[in-house]
Amino acid sequence: MKGSLCRKATLRAGLLVLAGCTSPTEPDPFGEPPPGTHQSSLFAVVGTGTGGTSVTSIANAGGGFAGTMRFRVRAKPNTTYLVQRAADLGRTGVDDGVCQRAEGLPPWSSADPPFPGSAFVTFPRPLNLTGPLVVVTTDSRGEGSLDYSFDTPQIPRGTRFDLKMRLVDDEDAPTSDLRSGCMAIVVN
């Protein structure tokens, strides 16, 4: 009987030690959007995966848009994702929280000239055609992260626009496509 009580106490102590090694209150960096002014979860439209993104507009001496885009993703292992955006810019009445360009809705449908082509554009195009395309690559567990700075004088301070972000493994035939919700951005 004495040995049985000792084994139970040792087992309980061992479980307490194990429970102390992991914290249920510790945040999962891939389970929610990263810090930023405008945040959204990422959800799979094609394939599987989760994550989050944030966009923070930063005051720019030139008066244009400067921002930090952050991505945290848990998706296909060992996969490179293009970082894309669909910004509702250059048309009136599109800063309404709907993200018409990403959804192919007027005034961004193929019936609305001049149609820009693809709804989603890979960073850094079209502003810096000489730079490399921006990507997030996942590791063997499927986890990846990116903090990316973007700067353009073509979007002036005070501009309001809707933005949807996308991570896609192939532009033409995606097997993995993760998208954010619609974020309403204000240029500082």
C-alpha atoms as a PDB file:
ATOM      1  CA  MET A   1       0.000   0.000   0.000  1.00  0.00           C
ATOM      2  CA  LYS A   2       2.810   2.406   0.892  1.00  0.00           C
ATOM      3  CA  GLY A   3       4.508   1.726  -2.496  1.00  0.00           C
ATOM      4  CA  SER A   4       1.237   2.344  -4.333  1.00  0.00           C
ATOM      5  CA  LEU A   5       0.789   5.792  -2.707  1.00  0.00           C
ATOM      6  CA  CYS A   6       4.397   6.676  -3.547  1.00  0.00           C
ATOM      7  CA  ARG A   7       3.927   5.714  -7.213  1.00  0.00           C
ATOM      8  CA  LYS A   8       0.719   7.806  -7.408  1.00  0.00           C
ATOM      9  CA  ALA A   9       2.486  10.812  -5.864  1.00  0.00           C
ATOM     10  CA  THR A  10       5.435  10.432  -8.269  1.00  0.00           C
ATOM     11  CA  LEU A  11       3.056  10.125 -11.217  1.00  0.00           C
ATOM     12  CA  ARG A  12       1.163  13.261 -10.139  1.00  0.00           C
ATOM     13  CA  ALA A  13       4.403  15.190  -9.618  1.00  0.00           C
ATOM     14  CA  GLY A  14       5.594  14.105 -13.067  1.00  0.00           C
ATOM     15  CA  LEU A  15       2.357  15.293 -14.650  1.00  0.00           C
ATOM     16  CA  LEU A  16       2.686  18.632 -12.865  1.00  0.00           C
ATOM     17  CA  VAL A  17       6.234  19.017 -14.177  1.00  0.00           C
ATOM     18  CA  LEU A  18       5.080  18.171 -17.705  1.00  0.00           C
ATOM     19  CA  ALA A  19       2.163  20.572 -17.415  1.00  0.00           C
ATOM     20  CA  GLY A  20       4.594  23.291 -16.348  1.00  0.00           C
ATOM     21  CA  CYS A  21       6.653  22.813 -19.544  1.00  0.00           C
ATOM     22  CA  THR A  22       3.891  23.987 -21.857  1.00  0.00           C
ATOM     23  CA  SER A  23       1.771  27.050 -21.353  1.00  0.00           C
ATOM     24  CA  PRO A  24      -1.808  27.067 -22.613  1.00  0.00           C
ATOM     25  CA  THR A  25      -1.730  30.891 -22.364  1.00  0.00           C
ATOM     26  CA  GLU A  26       1.348  31.284 -24.591  1.00  0.00           C
ATOM     27  CA  PRO A  27       0.187  32.713 -27.950  1.00  0.00           C
ATOM     28  CA  ASP A  28       0.568  30.680 -31.128  1.00  0.00           C
ATOM     29  CA  PRO A  29       2.473  32.970 -33.547  1.00  0.00           C
ATOM     30  CA  PHE A  30       0.915  31.145 -36.518  1.00  0.00           C
ATOM     31  CA  GLY A  31      -2.622  30.962 -35.141  1.00  0.00           C
ATOM     32  CA  GLU A  32      -3.563  34.626 -35.188  1.00  0.00           C
ATOM     33  CA  PRO A  33      -2.676  37.777 -37.124  1.00  0.00           C
ATOM     34  CA  PRO A  34       0.680  39.377 -36.293  1.00  0.00           C
ATOM     35  CA  PRO A  35       0.763  42.794 -34.597  1.00  0.00           C
ATOM     36  CA  GLY A  36      -0.207  45.722 -36.813  1.00  0.00           C
ATOM     37  CA  THR A  37      -2.726  48.508 -37.325  1.00  0.00           C
ATOM     38  CA  HIS A  38      -4.941  46.533 -39.721  1.00  0.00           C
ATOM     39  CA  GLN A  39      -5.146  42.774 -39.076  1.00  0.00           C
ATOM     40  CA  SER A  40      -6.846  39.805 -40.677  1.00  0.00           C
ATOM     41  CA  SER A  41      -6.783  36.050 -40.447  1.00  0.00           C
ATOM     42  CA  LEU A  42      -5.734  34.101 -43.532  1.00  0.00           C
ATOM     43  CA  PHE A  43      -8.043  31.343 -44.707  1.00  0.00           C
ATOM     44  CA  ALA A  44      -7.694  28.711 -47.418  1.00  0.00           C
ATOM     45  CA  VAL A  45      -9.664  29.237 -50.628  1.00  0.00           C
ATOM     46  CA  VAL A  46      -7.786  26.376 -52.307  1.00  0.00           C
ATOM     47  CA  GLY A  47      -5.964  23.668 -50.352  1.00  0.00           C
ATOM     48  CA  THR A  48      -5.451  23.943 -46.607  1.00  0.00           C
ATOM     49  CA  GLY A  49      -3.724  26.360 -44.289  1.00  0.00           C
ATOM     50  CA  THR A  50      -4.255  29.126 -41.762  1.00  0.00           C
ATOM     51  CA  GLY A  51      -2.428  32.177 -40.545  1.00  0.00           C
ATOM     52  CA  GLY A  52      -2.686  35.903 -40.340  1.00  0.00           C
ATOM     53  CA  THR A  53      -1.525  39.157 -41.856  1.00  0.00           C
ATOM     54  CA  SER A  54      -1.284  42.771 -40.794  1.00  0.00           C
ATOM     55  CA  VAL A  55      -0.637  46.072 -42.520  1.00  0.00           C
ATOM     56  CA  THR A  56       0.676  49.120 -40.705  1.00  0.00           C
ATOM     57  CA  SER A  57       0.810  52.434 -42.559  1.00  0.00           C
ATOM     58  CA  ILE A  58       3.808  54.525 -41.494  1.00  0.00           C
ATOM     59  CA  ALA A  59       4.278  58.277 -41.956  1.00  0.00           C
ATOM     60  CA  ASN A  60       6.470  58.869 -44.994  1.00  0.00           C
ATOM     61  CA  ALA A  61       8.541  62.043 -45.478  1.00  0.00           C
ATOM     62  CA  GLY A  62       7.560  62.080 -49.170  1.00  0.00           C
ATOM     63  CA  GLY A  63       3.845  62.018 -48.346  1.00  0.00           C
ATOM     64  CA  GLY A  64       3.140  58.671 -50.023  1.00  0.00           C
ATOM     65  CA  PHE A  65       2.225  55.258 -48.667  1.00  0.00           C
ATOM     66  CA  ALA A  66       4.804  53.412 -46.652  1.00  0.00           C
ATOM     67  CA  GLY A  67       3.766  50.298 -44.842  1.00  0.00           C
ATOM     68  CA  THR A  68       4.894  47.166 -43.113  1.00  0.00           C
ATOM     69  CA  MET A  69       3.157  43.976 -44.160  1.00  0.00           C
ATOM     70  CA  ARG A  70       3.472  40.981 -41.851  1.00  0.00           C
ATOM     71  CA  PHE A  71       2.509  37.397 -42.579  1.00  0.00           C
ATOM     72  CA  ARG A  72       2.421  34.294 -40.373  1.00  0.00           C
ATOM     73  CA  VAL A  73       1.267  31.100 -42.042  1.00  0.00           C
ATOM     74  CA  ARG A  74       0.864  27.410 -41.294  1.00  0.00           C
ATOM     75  CA  ALA A  75       0.181  25.617 -44.578  1.00  0.00           C
ATOM     76  CA  LYS A  76       1.857  23.187 -47.001  1.00  0.00           C
ATOM     77  CA  PRO A  77       5.378  22.212 -45.880  1.00  0.00           C
ATOM     78  CA  ASN A  78       8.391  23.319 -47.930  1.00  0.00           C
ATOM     79  CA  THR A  79       6.315  25.556 -50.192  1.00  0.00           C
ATOM     80  CA  THR A  80       7.045  28.991 -51.621  1.00  0.00           C
ATOM     81  CA  TYR A  81       4.083  31.377 -51.693  1.00  0.00           C
ATOM     82  CA  LEU A  82       3.891  34.567 -53.765  1.00  0.00           C
ATOM     83  CA  VAL A  83       2.801  37.562 -51.661  1.00  0.00           C
ATOM     84  CA  GLN A  84       0.015  39.394 -53.470  1.00  0.00           C
ATOM     85  CA  ARG A  85      -2.434  42.207 -52.905  1.00  0.00           C
ATOM     86  CA  ALA A  86      -5.671  43.423 -54.446  1.00  0.00           C
ATOM     87  CA  ALA A  87      -6.043  47.112 -53.606  1.00  0.00           C
ATOM     88  CA  ASP A  88      -9.188  49.053 -54.458  1.00  0.00           C
ATOM     89  CA  LEU A  89      -7.352  52.136 -55.756  1.00  0.00           C
ATOM     90  CA  GLY A  90      -7.943  54.507 -58.653  1.00  0.00           C
ATOM     91  CA  ARG A  91     -11.722  54.186 -58.832  1.00  0.00           C
ATOM     92  CA  THR A  92     -14.345  56.183 -56.939  1.00  0.00           C
ATOM     93  CA  GLY A  93     -16.482  54.777 -54.155  1.00  0.00           C
ATOM     94  CA  VAL A  94     -14.411  51.675 -53.480  1.00  0.00           C
ATOM     95  CA  ASP A  95     -13.248  52.374 -49.926  1.00  0.00           C
ATOM     96  CA  ASP A  96     -16.387  50.734 -48.567  1.00  0.00           C
ATOM     97  CA  GLY A  97     -15.036  47.593 -46.884  1.00  0.00           C
ATOM     98  CA  VAL A  98     -16.096  45.220 -49.698  1.00  0.00           C
ATOM     99  CA  CYS A  99     -12.811  44.671 -51.647  1.00  0.00           C
ATOM    100  CA  GLN A 100     -14.477  44.664 -55.068  1.00  0.00           C
ATOM    101  CA  ARG A 101     -11.207  44.156 -56.963  1.00  0.00           C
ATOM    102  CA  ALA A 102     -10.395  40.919 -55.115  1.00  0.00           C
ATOM    103  CA  GLU A 103     -13.942  39.673 -55.675  1.00  0.00           C
ATOM    104  CA  GLY A 104     -14.117  40.717 -59.349  1.00  0.00           C
ATOM    105  CA  LEU A 105     -17.073  43.013 -58.665  1.00  0.00           C
ATOM    106  CA  PRO A 106     -17.844  46.356 -60.377  1.00  0.00           C
ATOM    107  CA  PRO A 107     -16.011  48.632 -60.860  1.00  0.00           C
ATOM    108  CA  TRP A 108     -13.290  45.949 -61.019  1.00  0.00           C
ATOM    109  CA  SER A 109     -14.996  43.272 -63.092  1.00  0.00           C
ATOM    110  CA  SER A 110     -13.719  42.302 -66.546  1.00  0.00           C
ATOM    111  CA  ALA A 111     -16.693  44.255 -67.967  1.00  0.00           C
ATOM    112  CA  ASP A 112     -15.404  47.498 -66.391  1.00  0.00           C
ATOM    113  CA  PRO A 113     -12.688  49.062 -68.563  1.00  0.00           C
ATOM    114  CA  PRO A 114      -9.895  49.596 -68.132  1.00  0.00           C
ATOM    115  CA  PHE A 115      -9.631  46.197 -66.441  1.00  0.00           C
ATOM    116  CA  PRO A 116      -6.168  45.813 -64.881  1.00  0.00           C
ATOM    117  CA  GLY A 117      -5.851  42.095 -65.676  1.00  0.00           C
ATOM    118  CA  SER A 118      -5.288  40.008 -62.576  1.00  0.00           C
ATOM    119  CA  ALA A 119      -7.173  41.108 -59.483  1.00  0.00           C
ATOM    120  CA  PHE A 120      -4.160  40.206 -57.330  1.00  0.00           C
ATOM    121  CA  VAL A 121      -0.712  41.669 -58.017  1.00  0.00           C
ATOM    122  CA  THR A 122       2.517  40.196 -56.653  1.00  0.00           C
ATOM    123  CA  PHE A 123       4.738  42.521 -54.616  1.00  0.00           C
ATOM    124  CA  PRO A 124       6.701  44.542 -55.698  1.00  0.00           C
ATOM    125  CA  ARG A 125       5.124  44.817 -59.178  1.00  0.00           C
ATOM    126  CA  PRO A 126       4.027  47.022 -60.896  1.00  0.00           C
ATOM    127  CA  LEU A 127       5.993  49.800 -59.206  1.00  0.00           C
ATOM    128  CA  ASN A 128       9.437  48.211 -59.154  1.00  0.00           C
ATOM    129  CA  LEU A 129       9.765  45.784 -62.036  1.00  0.00           C
ATOM    130  CA  THR A 130      13.472  45.280 -61.350  1.00  0.00           C
ATOM    131  CA  GLY A 131      13.086  43.937 -57.811  1.00  0.00           C
ATOM    132  CA  PRO A 132      12.563  40.296 -56.919  1.00  0.00           C
ATOM    133  CA  LEU A 133       9.057  39.004 -56.306  1.00  0.00           C
ATOM    134  CA  VAL A 134       8.198  38.866 -52.613  1.00  0.00           C
ATOM    135  CA  VAL A 135       7.626  35.361 -51.235  1.00  0.00           C
ATOM    136  CA  VAL A 136       7.014  33.460 -48.003  1.00  0.00           C
ATOM    137  CA  THR A 137       8.562  29.995 -47.816  1.00  0.00           C
ATOM    138  CA  THR A 138       7.303  27.447 -45.310  1.00  0.00           C
ATOM    139  CA  ASP A 139       9.576  25.035 -43.469  1.00  0.00           C
ATOM    140  CA  SER A 140       9.189  21.267 -43.050  1.00  0.00           C
ATOM    141  CA  ARG A 141       6.385  21.868 -40.505  1.00  0.00           C
ATOM    142  CA  GLY A 142       4.544  24.168 -42.922  1.00  0.00           C
ATOM    143  CA  GLU A 143       5.302  27.313 -40.922  1.00  0.00           C
ATOM    144  CA  GLY A 144       6.502  30.529 -42.522  1.00  0.00           C
ATOM    145  CA  SER A 145       6.690  34.216 -41.703  1.00  0.00           C
ATOM    146  CA  LEU A 146       7.570  37.474 -43.425  1.00  0.00           C
ATOM    147  CA  ASP A 147       7.826  41.124 -42.455  1.00  0.00           C
ATOM    148  CA  TYR A 148       7.967  43.230 -45.625  1.00  0.00           C
ATOM    149  CA  SER A 149       8.264  47.004 -46.088  1.00  0.00           C
ATOM    150  CA  PHE A 150       6.541  48.594 -49.069  1.00  0.00           C
ATOM    151  CA  ASP A 151       6.885  52.216 -50.123  1.00  0.00           C
ATOM    152  CA  THR A 152       5.268  54.116 -52.992  1.00  0.00           C
ATOM    153  CA  PRO A 153       4.751  57.815 -53.662  1.00  0.00           C
ATOM    154  CA  GLN A 154       1.802  56.935 -55.959  1.00  0.00           C
ATOM    155  CA  ILE A 155      -0.633  56.559 -53.052  1.00  0.00           C
ATOM    156  CA  PRO A 156      -0.794  59.965 -51.299  1.00  0.00           C
ATOM    157  CA  ARG A 157      -1.221  60.616 -47.580  1.00  0.00           C
ATOM    158  CA  GLY A 158      -4.881  60.597 -46.528  1.00  0.00           C
ATOM    159  CA  THR A 159      -5.937  58.059 -49.168  1.00  0.00           C
ATOM    160  CA  ARG A 160      -8.421  55.450 -47.969  1.00  0.00           C
ATOM    161  CA  PHE A 161      -8.593  52.122 -49.763  1.00  0.00           C
ATOM    162  CA  ASP A 162      -9.684  48.538 -49.266  1.00  0.00           C
ATOM    163  CA  LEU A 163      -7.094  45.791 -49.404  1.00  0.00           C
ATOM    164  CA  LYS A 164      -7.157  42.013 -49.512  1.00  0.00           C
ATOM    165  CA  MET A 165      -3.917  40.023 -49.219  1.00  0.00           C
ATOM    166  CA  ARG A 166      -3.187  36.623 -50.776  1.00  0.00           C
ATOM    167  CA  LEU A 167      -0.521  33.928 -50.513  1.00  0.00           C
ATOM    168  CA  VAL A 168      -0.544  31.579 -53.503  1.00  0.00           C
ATOM    169  CA  ASP A 169       1.817  28.763 -54.509  1.00  0.00           C
ATOM    170  CA  ASP A 170       1.174  29.182 -58.263  1.00  0.00           C
ATOM    171  CA  GLU A 171      -0.539  32.128 -60.001  1.00  0.00           C
ATOM    172  CA  ASP A 172      -1.932  30.090 -62.885  1.00  0.00           C
ATOM    173  CA  ALA A 173      -2.839  26.770 -61.238  1.00  0.00           C
ATOM    174  CA  PRO A 174      -2.787  27.168 -57.453  1.00  0.00           C
ATOM    175  CA  THR A 175      -2.897  24.129 -55.191  1.00  0.00           C
ATOM    176  CA  SER A 176      -2.734  26.441 -52.176  1.00  0.00           C
ATOM    177  CA  ASP A 177      -4.398  29.866 -51.988  1.00  0.00           C
ATOM    178  CA  LEU A 178      -4.710  31.684 -48.658  1.00  0.00           C
ATOM    179  CA  ARG A 179      -6.577  34.999 -48.440  1.00  0.00           C
ATOM    180  CA  SER A 180      -7.196  37.673 -45.874  1.00  0.00           C
ATOM    181  CA  GLY A 181     -10.433  39.392 -45.144  1.00  0.00           C
ATOM    182  CA  CYS A 182     -11.027  42.905 -46.474  1.00  0.00           C
ATOM    183  CA  MET A 183      -9.012  45.551 -44.604  1.00  0.00           C
ATOM    184  CA  ALA A 184      -9.781  49.301 -44.781  1.00  0.00           C
ATOM    185  CA  ILE A 185      -6.415  51.089 -45.012  1.00  0.00           C
ATOM    186  CA  VAL A 186      -5.763  54.783 -44.336  1.00  0.00           C
ATOM    187  CA  VAL A 187      -2.431  56.196 -45.553  1.00  0.00           C
ATOM    188  CA  ASN A 188      -0.664  58.119 -42.757  1.00  0.00           C
END
